[in-house]
């Protein structure tokens, strides 16, 4: 039997400093160092620390503290970082709310998480329409007449009690296979472990300037926004990674998904000052990797990690070798297991289900004990009391010659499209809510011109043919834009397997949006 544990470091995580402590140490030591940049606007560590303290004092005065959830609905400006750090300084957990999401989804996230307050700005679209208590940061005085906490700005800001590693740091919602989004609750210790281990793997020099282009509603933003601040680096805020094509940031580390990297390669538009690229969120094609090298990129790191295991848990610096790039080896105290259906390790070279254990495993799904128990299992390979491992739903294998992990696909209906994690079941549930829809199947087709596309196949009552734009409008009322299919195809009937299930492999390739395809049963 092969060793079931793939781990590169001892399991102890005691050396991971809390993110707020690491940041405020830099703010105390070098307050004039630049911390965050947006175009011509910047904040120093001292300014960012003081502004975050003001947010924390406001929250503490309202009774917000440990295990409270605070919604943060802000555009990508330095104030976003101010709010997130302020929530963490207050000892609470932040809930990122993307202003572009449908109001129904935002309201669901607020209610489901039990968020006690929302931090926002008056100019943010839809901010005044949210139910519950909303604090408009742009309408707050610079120095509110509120009691200070027991510590000042330079020492980490106000806090009612010492930070406990098990307390929640943030709650990020992911697509749900049952049609209901699930909030992943990540503890402070797991967040700190991530930042420590990524810092070790990349080094402070590479984190000196990091582009932050990912929405705070997706977990990669945790790395982009906080990793630089723990090592004295600066966060460079941009709306989209493609901005680099027109306005390069010399020496900045680029972290994005392979879909965006493929666009840059196709356009030949990545500036040659970009030395280091992190690829995450999707499988990295070999052709894209080689294209990056041809554009002058010196280092390409391939990273892997689900939201439930705190962003990145497996990494490798890619070398020039044939074949699909591996995802590498676990970071720090993370353990990776490739197991069969009876939770037994499979031999190297054999595909199996990938499980993740170690200090970065999240607490579970906020307020959802049943889904938590289904995906977060007791870790039979750990000596730590109460240790759990997360069932990723991904298929992987260990390479025979070097033991590196290879990603081999999904075992369920979850997909990654342009870096966004999507449970197709949630999209299907939303479409099934239409009265004329009898059967629905949603899939991502890789054989479409221009790259992967999400396609919805519908069987409707009485042969009705709802317009594609009407269906999109219906979905946009509850789903984020990245979860709305690109194409809708009406079928006479769904193809079925001998067992009566929908045969997804037999779903026809659509010709154009709104195409009607007749099929025999």
Protein backbone atom coordinates (compact mmCIF):
# COMPACT_ATOMS: atom_id res chain seq x y z
CA UNK A 1 0.00 0.00 0.00
CA UNK A 2 1.32 3.49 -0.84
CA UNK A 3 1.75 6.14 1.81
CA UNK A 4 -1.69 7.81 2.00
CA UNK A 5 -0.27 11.12 3.16
CA UNK A 6 1.26 13.55 0.72
CA UNK A 7 2.69 16.26 2.93
CA UNK A 8 5.82 18.39 2.70
CA UNK A 9 5.94 19.91 6.19
CA UNK A 10 5.14 18.95 9.80
CA UNK A 11 1.46 19.23 10.74
CA UNK A 12 1.99 21.87 13.43
CA UNK A 13 0.55 25.28 12.48
CA UNK A 14 1.51 27.15 15.65
CA UNK A 15 3.91 29.43 13.77
CA UNK A 16 1.23 31.18 11.71
CA UNK A 17 0.73 34.75 12.96
CA UNK A 18 -2.77 36.18 12.80
CA UNK A 19 -3.32 38.30 9.70
CA UNK A 20 -4.16 41.44 11.71
CA UNK A 21 -1.10 41.02 13.91
CA UNK A 22 1.16 40.58 10.89
CA UNK A 23 -0.30 43.63 9.16
CA UNK A 24 -0.19 45.93 12.19
CA UNK A 25 3.41 44.94 12.88
CA UNK A 26 4.32 46.45 9.50
CA UNK A 27 2.09 49.48 10.17
CA UNK A 28 3.94 50.09 13.43
CA UNK A 29 7.41 49.48 12.01
CA UNK A 30 7.03 51.29 8.65
CA UNK A 31 3.85 53.42 8.69
CA UNK A 32 4.89 55.38 5.57
CA UNK A 33 5.30 52.27 3.40
CA UNK A 34 2.67 52.10 0.61
CA UNK A 35 0.07 49.40 1.33
CA UNK A 36 -2.61 49.72 -1.36
CA UNK A 37 -2.74 51.42 -4.76
CA UNK A 38 -5.59 52.23 -7.14
CA UNK A 39 -4.43 54.24 -10.14
CA UNK A 40 -2.99 57.45 -8.75
CA UNK A 41 -4.52 56.90 -5.30
CA UNK A 42 -2.66 55.12 -2.52
CA UNK A 43 -2.76 54.49 1.22
CA UNK A 44 0.22 53.86 3.44
CA UNK A 45 0.30 51.14 6.06
CA UNK A 46 -0.25 53.76 8.76
CA UNK A 47 -3.21 55.32 6.95
CA UNK A 48 -4.81 51.95 6.21
CA UNK A 49 -4.31 50.81 9.79
CA UNK A 50 -5.85 53.97 11.24
CA UNK A 51 -8.82 53.81 8.85
CA UNK A 52 -9.42 50.13 9.68
CA UNK A 53 -9.31 50.97 13.38
CA UNK A 54 -12.07 53.54 12.90
CA UNK A 55 -14.24 50.87 11.28
CA UNK A 56 -13.44 48.43 14.07
CA UNK A 57 -14.31 50.98 16.76
CA UNK A 58 -17.65 51.65 15.08
CA UNK A 59 -18.43 47.93 14.95
CA UNK A 60 -17.31 47.30 18.54
CA UNK A 61 -19.47 50.19 19.79
CA UNK A 62 -22.45 48.46 18.19
CA UNK A 63 -21.68 45.21 19.98
CA UNK A 64 -20.13 43.44 16.99
CA UNK A 65 -17.46 40.92 17.93
CA UNK A 66 -16.43 37.31 17.81
CA UNK A 67 -18.61 35.03 15.64
CA UNK A 68 -20.67 37.96 14.36
CA UNK A 69 -20.91 38.20 10.58
CA UNK A 70 -20.56 41.60 8.91
CA UNK A 71 -21.57 42.12 5.29
CA UNK A 72 -19.16 44.19 3.16
CA UNK A 73 -20.69 45.57 -0.03
CA UNK A 74 -18.14 47.89 -1.64
CA UNK A 75 -16.58 48.58 -5.00
CA UNK A 76 -12.91 47.79 -5.64
CA UNK A 77 -11.32 50.79 -3.91
CA UNK A 78 -8.96 51.14 -0.93
CA UNK A 79 -12.04 51.43 1.27
CA UNK A 80 -12.75 47.76 0.57
CA UNK A 81 -9.51 46.81 2.31
CA UNK A 82 -10.26 49.30 5.09
CA UNK A 83 -13.61 47.60 5.74
CA UNK A 84 -12.30 44.03 5.57
CA UNK A 85 -9.44 44.77 7.95
CA UNK A 86 -11.81 46.69 10.23
CA UNK A 87 -14.11 43.68 10.50
CA UNK A 88 -11.17 41.41 11.33
CA UNK A 89 -9.83 43.91 13.88
CA UNK A 90 -13.24 43.90 15.57
CA UNK A 91 -12.94 40.11 15.89
CA UNK A 92 -15.86 39.45 13.54
CA UNK A 93 -16.11 37.58 10.22
CA UNK A 94 -16.64 39.40 6.95
CA UNK A 95 -19.21 38.40 4.34
CA UNK A 96 -18.30 39.79 0.90
CA UNK A 97 -21.31 41.02 -1.08
CA UNK A 98 -20.72 41.74 -4.76
CA UNK A 99 -22.79 44.81 -5.77
CA UNK A 100 -23.33 43.17 -9.19
CA UNK A 101 -25.20 40.21 -7.68
CA UNK A 102 -29.03 40.14 -7.91
CA UNK A 103 -30.72 41.68 -4.90
CA UNK A 104 -32.52 38.40 -4.14
CA UNK A 105 -29.21 36.58 -3.82
CA UNK A 106 -27.69 39.30 -1.63
CA UNK A 107 -30.73 39.24 0.66
CA UNK A 108 -30.51 35.45 0.87
CA UNK A 109 -26.82 35.60 1.86
CA UNK A 110 -27.52 38.22 4.52
CA UNK A 111 -30.40 36.24 6.01
CA UNK A 112 -28.67 32.87 5.79
CA UNK A 113 -25.45 34.14 7.37
CA UNK A 114 -27.25 36.09 10.09
CA UNK A 115 -25.18 39.18 9.25
CA UNK A 116 -25.73 41.83 11.92
CA UNK A 117 -24.68 44.82 9.82
CA UNK A 118 -23.60 45.75 6.27
CA UNK A 119 -20.72 48.12 5.55
CA UNK A 120 -21.16 49.96 2.26
CA UNK A 121 -21.13 53.37 0.54
CA UNK A 122 -24.04 55.48 -0.63
CA UNK A 123 -22.76 55.37 -4.21
CA UNK A 124 -22.75 51.56 -4.36
CA UNK A 125 -25.58 50.35 -6.58
CA UNK A 126 -28.49 48.96 -4.59
CA UNK A 127 -26.92 49.68 -1.21
CA UNK A 128 -29.92 51.60 0.12
CA UNK A 129 -32.30 48.85 -0.95
CA UNK A 130 -30.82 46.21 1.36
CA UNK A 131 -32.84 45.19 4.35
CA UNK A 132 -31.30 45.23 7.80
CA UNK A 133 -28.87 47.67 9.38
CA UNK A 134 -26.56 49.38 6.90
CA UNK A 135 -23.58 51.58 7.76
CA UNK A 136 -22.48 53.97 5.01
CA UNK A 137 -18.76 54.42 5.51
CA UNK A 138 -18.61 57.52 3.31
CA UNK A 139 -21.13 59.22 5.58
CA UNK A 140 -19.21 58.48 8.79
CA UNK A 141 -17.01 61.17 10.35
CA UNK A 142 -13.29 60.56 10.17
CA UNK A 143 -13.03 60.25 13.95
CA UNK A 144 -16.40 59.09 15.32
CA UNK A 145 -17.18 59.98 18.92
CA UNK A 146 -17.13 56.41 20.04
CA UNK A 147 -15.23 54.78 22.89
CA UNK A 148 -11.83 53.43 21.96
CA UNK A 149 -11.02 49.78 22.46
CA UNK A 150 -8.31 48.57 24.82
CA UNK A 151 -5.67 48.91 22.09
CA UNK A 152 -4.86 51.65 19.61
CA UNK A 153 -4.09 51.69 15.93
CA UNK A 154 -0.43 50.89 16.20
CA UNK A 155 -1.04 47.84 18.36
CA UNK A 156 -3.62 46.19 16.18
CA UNK A 157 -6.79 48.12 16.86
CA UNK A 158 -9.65 47.58 19.29
CA UNK A 159 -10.68 44.11 20.29
CA UNK A 160 -13.01 42.87 23.00
CA UNK A 161 -10.92 39.77 23.64
CA UNK A 162 -7.87 38.00 22.24
CA UNK A 163 -8.22 36.45 18.80
CA UNK A 164 -8.96 32.73 18.90
CA UNK A 165 -7.84 30.71 15.91
CA UNK A 166 -11.10 28.77 15.75
CA UNK A 167 -13.26 31.87 15.37
CA UNK A 168 -14.54 32.72 11.92
CA UNK A 169 -12.54 35.08 9.70
CA UNK A 170 -14.87 35.19 6.71
CA UNK A 171 -17.89 33.49 5.14
CA UNK A 172 -17.83 33.10 1.35
CA UNK A 173 -20.82 31.67 -0.50
CA UNK A 174 -20.37 29.03 -3.17
CA UNK A 175 -22.81 27.58 -5.66
CA UNK A 176 -24.99 24.82 -4.19
CA UNK A 177 -25.78 21.48 -5.85
CA UNK A 178 -29.29 21.50 -4.33
CA UNK A 179 -30.07 24.92 -5.77
CA UNK A 180 -29.25 26.75 -2.53
CA UNK A 181 -25.90 28.56 -2.11
CA UNK A 182 -23.74 27.49 0.84
CA UNK A 183 -21.60 29.77 2.99
CA UNK A 184 -18.13 28.38 3.72
CA UNK A 185 -16.98 29.47 7.18
CA UNK A 186 -13.19 29.79 7.35
CA UNK A 187 -11.48 30.22 10.74
CA UNK A 188 -8.76 32.75 11.52
CA UNK A 189 -6.20 29.98 12.03
CA UNK A 190 -6.81 28.58 8.54
CA UNK A 191 -6.53 32.04 6.98
CA UNK A 192 -3.30 32.70 8.88
CA UNK A 193 -1.93 29.30 7.84
CA UNK A 194 -2.66 30.09 4.19
CA UNK A 195 -0.86 33.43 4.32
CA UNK A 196 2.12 31.95 6.15
CA UNK A 197 2.55 29.01 3.77
CA UNK A 198 2.01 31.03 0.59
CA UNK A 199 4.51 33.54 1.91
CA UNK A 200 7.00 30.74 2.46
CA UNK A 201 6.40 29.27 -1.00
CA UNK A 202 6.60 32.54 -2.93
CA UNK A 203 8.86 34.67 -0.75
CA UNK A 204 8.47 38.31 0.23
CA UNK A 205 10.16 39.55 -2.94
CA UNK A 206 7.47 38.07 -5.22
CA UNK A 207 4.76 39.53 -2.96
CA UNK A 208 6.21 43.02 -3.07
CA UNK A 209 3.43 44.03 -5.50
CA UNK A 210 0.39 41.81 -6.12
CA UNK A 211 -2.42 42.58 -8.56
CA UNK A 212 -5.83 42.26 -6.95
CA UNK A 213 -8.32 41.65 -9.75
CA UNK A 214 -10.59 39.01 -8.18
CA UNK A 215 -13.96 39.89 -6.65
CA UNK A 216 -13.96 39.70 -2.85
CA UNK A 217 -16.83 37.21 -3.25
CA UNK A 218 -14.30 34.62 -4.49
CA UNK A 219 -11.69 33.12 -2.24
CA UNK A 220 -8.63 33.91 -4.38
CA UNK A 221 -9.18 37.50 -3.25
CA UNK A 222 -8.07 36.45 0.25
CA UNK A 223 -4.60 35.77 -1.13
CA UNK A 224 -4.52 38.86 -3.37
CA UNK A 225 -5.69 41.29 -0.69
CA UNK A 226 -3.96 40.00 2.43
CA UNK A 227 -0.80 38.08 1.48
CA UNK A 228 1.11 41.23 0.45
CA UNK A 229 0.10 43.02 3.67
CA UNK A 230 1.64 40.32 5.87
CA UNK A 231 5.11 40.75 4.32
CA UNK A 232 5.24 44.51 3.76
CA UNK A 233 4.12 44.38 0.12
CA UNK A 234 1.50 46.45 -1.64
CA UNK A 235 -1.89 45.56 -3.10
CA UNK A 236 -2.47 46.92 -6.61
CA UNK A 237 -6.23 47.13 -7.20
CA UNK A 238 -7.50 46.64 -10.76
CA UNK A 239 -10.96 45.88 -12.08
CA UNK A 240 -9.77 43.18 -14.45
CA UNK A 241 -6.50 41.33 -15.01
CA UNK A 242 -6.75 42.25 -18.70
CA UNK A 243 -5.94 45.85 -17.69
CA UNK A 244 -2.32 44.71 -17.67
CA UNK A 245 -2.45 44.60 -21.46
CA UNK A 246 -2.87 48.38 -21.61
CA UNK A 247 -1.44 49.54 -18.29
CA UNK A 248 1.31 47.22 -17.11
CA UNK A 249 2.46 47.30 -13.49
CA UNK A 250 6.20 46.58 -13.68
CA UNK A 251 7.24 43.70 -11.49
CA UNK A 252 3.75 42.98 -10.16
CA UNK A 253 2.75 39.39 -9.52
CA UNK A 254 -0.24 38.31 -11.60
CA UNK A 255 -2.74 35.83 -10.18
CA UNK A 256 -5.59 34.79 -12.46
CA UNK A 257 -7.37 31.89 -14.13
CA UNK A 258 -6.15 30.00 -17.22
CA UNK A 259 -9.06 31.37 -19.30
CA UNK A 260 -7.74 34.92 -18.84
CA UNK A 261 -4.16 33.77 -19.37
CA UNK A 262 -5.24 32.12 -22.64
CA UNK A 263 -6.70 35.46 -23.80
CA UNK A 264 -3.45 37.23 -22.97
CA UNK A 265 -1.46 34.61 -24.85
CA UNK A 266 -3.76 34.76 -27.88
CA UNK A 267 -3.46 38.55 -28.00
CA UNK A 268 0.25 38.51 -27.22
CA UNK A 269 -0.67 41.30 -24.84
CA UNK A 270 0.98 40.38 -21.54
CA UNK A 271 3.64 42.97 -20.77
CA UNK A 272 7.16 41.56 -20.55
CA UNK A 273 7.65 43.21 -17.17
CA UNK A 274 5.40 40.51 -15.68
CA UNK A 275 7.92 38.01 -14.33
CA UNK A 276 5.73 35.76 -12.14
CA UNK A 277 2.28 34.35 -12.87
CA UNK A 278 0.07 32.29 -10.58
CA UNK A 279 -2.48 30.11 -12.37
CA UNK A 280 -5.42 28.87 -10.30
CA UNK A 281 -9.12 28.09 -10.49
CA UNK A 282 -9.04 25.83 -13.56
CA UNK A 283 -6.83 23.23 -15.18
CA UNK A 284 -3.90 24.93 -16.92
CA UNK A 285 -3.50 23.77 -20.56
CA UNK A 286 0.06 23.01 -21.66
CA UNK A 287 -0.34 25.33 -24.67
CA UNK A 288 -1.17 28.29 -22.41
CA UNK A 289 1.82 27.54 -20.20
CA UNK A 290 4.17 27.51 -23.18
CA UNK A 291 2.57 30.67 -24.51
CA UNK A 292 3.32 32.45 -21.23
CA UNK A 293 6.96 31.46 -21.44
CA UNK A 294 7.11 32.72 -25.01
CA UNK A 295 5.78 36.09 -23.81
CA UNK A 296 8.72 36.37 -21.43
CA UNK A 297 7.17 35.16 -18.16
CA UNK A 298 9.98 33.67 -16.09
CA UNK A 299 7.99 31.76 -13.47
CA UNK A 300 4.58 30.09 -13.64
CA UNK A 301 3.16 28.61 -10.45
CA UNK A 302 0.22 26.22 -10.73
CA UNK A 303 -1.97 26.33 -7.62
CA UNK A 304 -4.95 24.29 -6.49
CA UNK A 305 -7.43 24.66 -3.66
CA UNK A 306 -11.17 24.69 -2.99
CA UNK A 307 -12.87 27.40 -0.94
CA UNK A 308 -13.43 24.76 1.75
CA UNK A 309 -9.67 24.40 2.19
CA UNK A 310 -8.82 28.12 2.31
CA UNK A 311 -7.83 29.14 -1.20
CA UNK A 312 -4.52 27.41 -2.06
CA UNK A 313 -3.36 24.09 -0.60
CA UNK A 314 -1.31 22.54 -3.42
CA UNK A 315 1.31 24.30 -5.52
CA UNK A 316 4.24 23.81 -7.88
CA UNK A 317 6.65 25.96 -9.84
CA UNK A 318 6.24 24.52 -13.31
CA UNK A 319 9.16 23.15 -15.27
CA UNK A 320 9.57 22.61 -18.99
CA UNK A 321 8.28 19.07 -19.43
CA UNK A 322 5.80 17.49 -21.84
CA UNK A 323 2.17 16.82 -20.93
CA UNK A 324 -0.49 18.48 -18.82
CA UNK A 325 1.05 20.57 -16.01
CA UNK A 326 0.76 18.96 -12.55
CA UNK A 327 -0.78 20.80 -9.60
CA UNK A 328 2.16 19.80 -7.44
CA UNK A 329 2.52 19.05 -3.74
CA UNK A 330 0.72 20.28 -0.61
CA UNK A 331 1.68 23.55 1.02
CA UNK A 332 2.81 23.54 4.62
CA UNK A 333 0.77 21.36 6.93
CA UNK A 334 -1.77 20.38 4.28
CA UNK A 335 -2.20 16.67 3.60
CA UNK A 336 -3.53 15.36 0.29
CA UNK A 337 -5.07 11.91 -0.04
CA UNK A 338 -5.97 10.08 -3.24
CA UNK A 339 -8.48 7.44 -2.14
CA UNK A 340 -10.88 4.85 -3.53
CA UNK A 341 -14.59 4.58 -2.72
CA UNK A 342 -13.78 2.85 0.59
CA UNK A 343 -11.36 5.59 1.63
CA UNK A 344 -8.31 3.46 0.96
CA UNK A 345 -5.23 5.02 -0.69
CA UNK A 346 -4.73 4.07 -4.32
CA UNK A 347 -1.30 3.31 -5.84
CA UNK A 348 0.64 6.03 -7.67
CA UNK A 349 -0.48 6.32 -11.28
CA UNK A 350 -4.05 5.30 -10.38
CA UNK A 351 -6.92 7.80 -10.37
CA UNK A 352 -8.87 8.31 -7.17
CA UNK A 353 -10.90 10.86 -5.22
CA UNK A 354 -8.90 13.77 -3.82
CA UNK A 355 -9.31 14.62 -0.14
CA UNK A 356 -7.64 17.48 1.72
CA UNK A 357 -6.65 17.44 5.39
CA UNK A 358 -4.66 19.75 7.65
CA UNK A 359 -4.82 23.18 9.22
CA UNK A 360 -6.42 24.94 6.24
CA UNK A 361 -9.62 22.86 6.21
CA UNK A 362 -12.61 25.17 6.84
CA UNK A 363 -15.08 24.76 9.69
CA UNK A 364 -17.82 23.74 7.29
CA UNK A 365 -20.92 25.28 5.76
CA UNK A 366 -22.38 28.04 7.89
CA UNK A 367 -25.56 26.81 9.55
CA UNK A 368 -25.68 23.66 7.38
CA UNK A 369 -24.80 20.61 9.51
CA UNK A 370 -26.00 18.01 6.98
CA UNK A 371 -23.92 19.22 3.97
CA UNK A 372 -21.01 19.79 6.33
CA UNK A 373 -21.14 16.20 7.57
CA UNK A 374 -21.36 14.96 3.98
CA UNK A 375 -18.22 16.75 2.74
CA UNK A 376 -16.11 17.22 5.90
CA UNK A 377 -15.23 13.74 7.14
CA UNK A 378 -13.15 12.40 10.05
CA UNK A 379 -9.54 12.14 8.91
CA UNK A 380 -8.44 8.52 9.48
CA UNK A 381 -4.83 9.34 8.56
CA UNK A 382 -4.28 12.15 11.08
CA UNK A 383 -3.03 11.78 14.63
CA UNK A 384 -4.68 15.07 15.60
CA UNK A 385 -7.82 14.57 17.76
CA UNK A 386 -10.96 15.58 15.87
CA UNK A 387 -9.09 16.15 12.60
CA UNK A 388 -11.23 16.26 9.47
CA UNK A 389 -10.59 16.00 5.76
CA UNK A 390 -12.57 17.64 2.95
CA UNK A 391 -13.91 15.59 0.05
CA UNK A 392 -13.17 17.83 -2.91
CA UNK A 393 -15.14 15.96 -5.58
CA UNK A 394 -12.06 16.16 -7.81
CA UNK A 395 -10.30 13.20 -9.40
CA UNK A 396 -6.51 13.12 -9.09
CA UNK A 397 -3.54 10.80 -9.28
CA UNK A 398 0.02 10.75 -8.03
CA UNK A 399 2.65 10.73 -10.75
CA UNK A 400 4.78 7.60 -10.51
CA UNK A 401 8.13 9.23 -11.23
CA UNK A 402 8.00 12.13 -8.76
CA UNK A 403 4.84 11.86 -6.62
CA UNK A 404 3.40 15.17 -7.86
CA UNK A 405 -0.38 15.42 -8.02
CA UNK A 406 -2.23 15.66 -11.31
CA UNK A 407 -5.78 17.00 -11.60
CA UNK A 408 -7.91 14.60 -13.68
CA UNK A 409 -11.39 16.16 -13.64
CA UNK A 410 -14.58 16.21 -11.57
CA UNK A 411 -16.61 13.38 -10.08
CA UNK A 412 -19.86 15.37 -9.94
CA UNK A 413 -21.75 18.19 -11.70
CA UNK A 414 -19.62 20.99 -10.30
CA UNK A 415 -17.62 22.85 -12.95
CA UNK A 416 -15.15 25.69 -13.17
CA UNK A 417 -15.89 28.21 -15.91
CA UNK A 418 -13.52 31.18 -16.30
CA UNK A 419 -12.39 30.51 -12.76
CA UNK A 420 -15.89 30.61 -11.28
CA UNK A 421 -17.04 27.56 -9.35
CA UNK A 422 -20.53 26.59 -10.50
CA UNK A 423 -22.83 23.84 -9.31
CA UNK A 424 -24.85 23.05 -12.43
CA UNK A 425 -27.62 21.76 -10.16
CA UNK A 426 -28.22 25.30 -8.89
CA UNK A 427 -28.63 26.61 -12.43
CA UNK A 428 -30.94 23.70 -13.27
CA UNK A 429 -33.03 24.37 -10.16
CA UNK A 430 -33.45 28.02 -11.14
CA UNK A 431 -34.60 27.09 -14.65
CA UNK A 432 -36.89 24.37 -13.31
CA UNK A 433 -38.75 27.12 -11.45
CA UNK A 434 -40.18 28.32 -14.76
CA UNK A 435 -43.73 26.92 -15.17
CA UNK A 436 -43.20 25.92 -18.82
CA UNK A 437 -40.01 23.93 -18.14
CA UNK A 438 -40.62 20.17 -17.84
CA UNK A 439 -37.04 18.88 -17.94
CA UNK A 440 -33.73 20.72 -17.86
CA UNK A 441 -30.07 19.79 -18.13
CA UNK A 442 -27.20 22.26 -17.95
CA UNK A 443 -23.69 21.42 -19.04
CA UNK A 444 -20.44 23.09 -20.02
CA UNK A 445 -19.37 22.24 -23.55
CA UNK A 446 -15.68 22.31 -24.34
CA UNK A 447 -16.24 21.86 -28.09
CA UNK A 448 -17.59 25.34 -28.81
CA UNK A 449 -15.90 27.92 -30.97
CA UNK A 450 -14.27 30.55 -28.80
CA UNK A 451 -13.85 28.30 -25.77
CA UNK A 452 -16.04 26.59 -23.18
CA UNK A 453 -19.69 27.63 -23.00
CA UNK A 454 -22.47 26.85 -20.54
CA UNK A 455 -25.48 25.46 -22.38
CA UNK A 456 -28.97 24.84 -20.98
CA UNK A 457 -31.11 22.14 -22.64
CA UNK A 458 -34.87 22.43 -22.04
CA UNK A 459 -37.95 20.32 -22.64
CA UNK A 460 -40.96 22.61 -22.36
CA UNK A 461 -44.69 22.02 -21.89
CA UNK A 462 -46.79 22.11 -25.04
CA UNK A 463 -43.82 22.88 -27.25
CA UNK A 464 -43.57 26.46 -25.97
CA UNK A 465 -40.37 28.27 -26.85
CA UNK A 466 -39.48 30.98 -24.31
CA UNK A 467 -37.07 33.54 -25.72
CA UNK A 468 -33.46 33.23 -24.62
CA UNK A 469 -33.45 36.79 -23.30
CA UNK A 470 -36.57 36.06 -21.25
CA UNK A 471 -34.81 33.07 -19.68
CA UNK A 472 -31.70 35.13 -18.99
CA UNK A 473 -33.79 37.82 -17.30
CA UNK A 474 -35.41 35.18 -15.11
CA UNK A 475 -32.04 33.76 -14.07
CA UNK A 476 -30.43 37.13 -13.46
CA UNK A 477 -33.06 37.87 -10.84
CA UNK A 478 -31.55 35.20 -8.57
CA UNK A 479 -28.17 34.12 -9.98
CA UNK A 480 -24.87 35.99 -10.50
CA UNK A 481 -24.04 36.77 -14.12
CA UNK A 482 -21.37 34.07 -14.32
CA UNK A 483 -24.03 31.42 -13.62
CA UNK A 484 -26.32 32.38 -16.53
CA UNK A 485 -25.93 30.00 -19.51
CA UNK A 486 -24.51 31.35 -22.74
CA UNK A 487 -26.97 29.35 -24.86
CA UNK A 488 -30.42 27.76 -24.53
CA UNK A 489 -31.49 24.76 -26.61
CA UNK A 490 -35.03 23.36 -26.69
CA UNK A 491 -35.32 19.60 -27.17
CA UNK A 492 -38.32 17.47 -27.99
CA UNK A 493 -37.13 15.09 -25.28
CA UNK A 494 -34.04 14.45 -23.21
CA UNK A 495 -31.69 11.64 -24.25
CA UNK A 496 -31.76 8.90 -21.64
CA UNK A 497 -29.48 6.11 -20.50
CA UNK A 498 -30.90 2.56 -20.22
CA UNK A 499 -31.40 3.32 -16.52
CA UNK A 500 -33.64 6.26 -17.40
CA UNK A 501 -31.22 9.00 -16.38
CA UNK A 502 -30.39 11.96 -18.61
CA UNK A 503 -27.54 10.97 -20.90
CA UNK A 504 -25.42 14.11 -20.77
CA UNK A 505 -22.91 12.70 -23.23
CA UNK A 506 -25.68 12.51 -25.86
CA UNK A 507 -26.78 16.14 -25.54
CA UNK A 508 -26.29 17.66 -29.02
CA UNK A 509 -23.86 20.42 -29.83
CA UNK A 510 -25.87 23.60 -30.37
CA UNK A 511 -25.52 25.54 -33.59
CA UNK A 512 -26.51 28.97 -32.30
CA UNK A 513 -28.20 30.60 -29.34
CA UNK A 514 -31.86 29.68 -29.18
CA UNK A 515 -31.43 26.80 -31.65
CA UNK A 516 -34.14 24.16 -31.64
CA UNK A 517 -32.97 20.56 -31.87
CA UNK A 518 -35.40 17.66 -32.36
CA UNK A 519 -34.49 14.35 -30.79
CA UNK A 520 -36.14 11.00 -30.62
CA UNK A 521 -36.73 9.48 -27.22
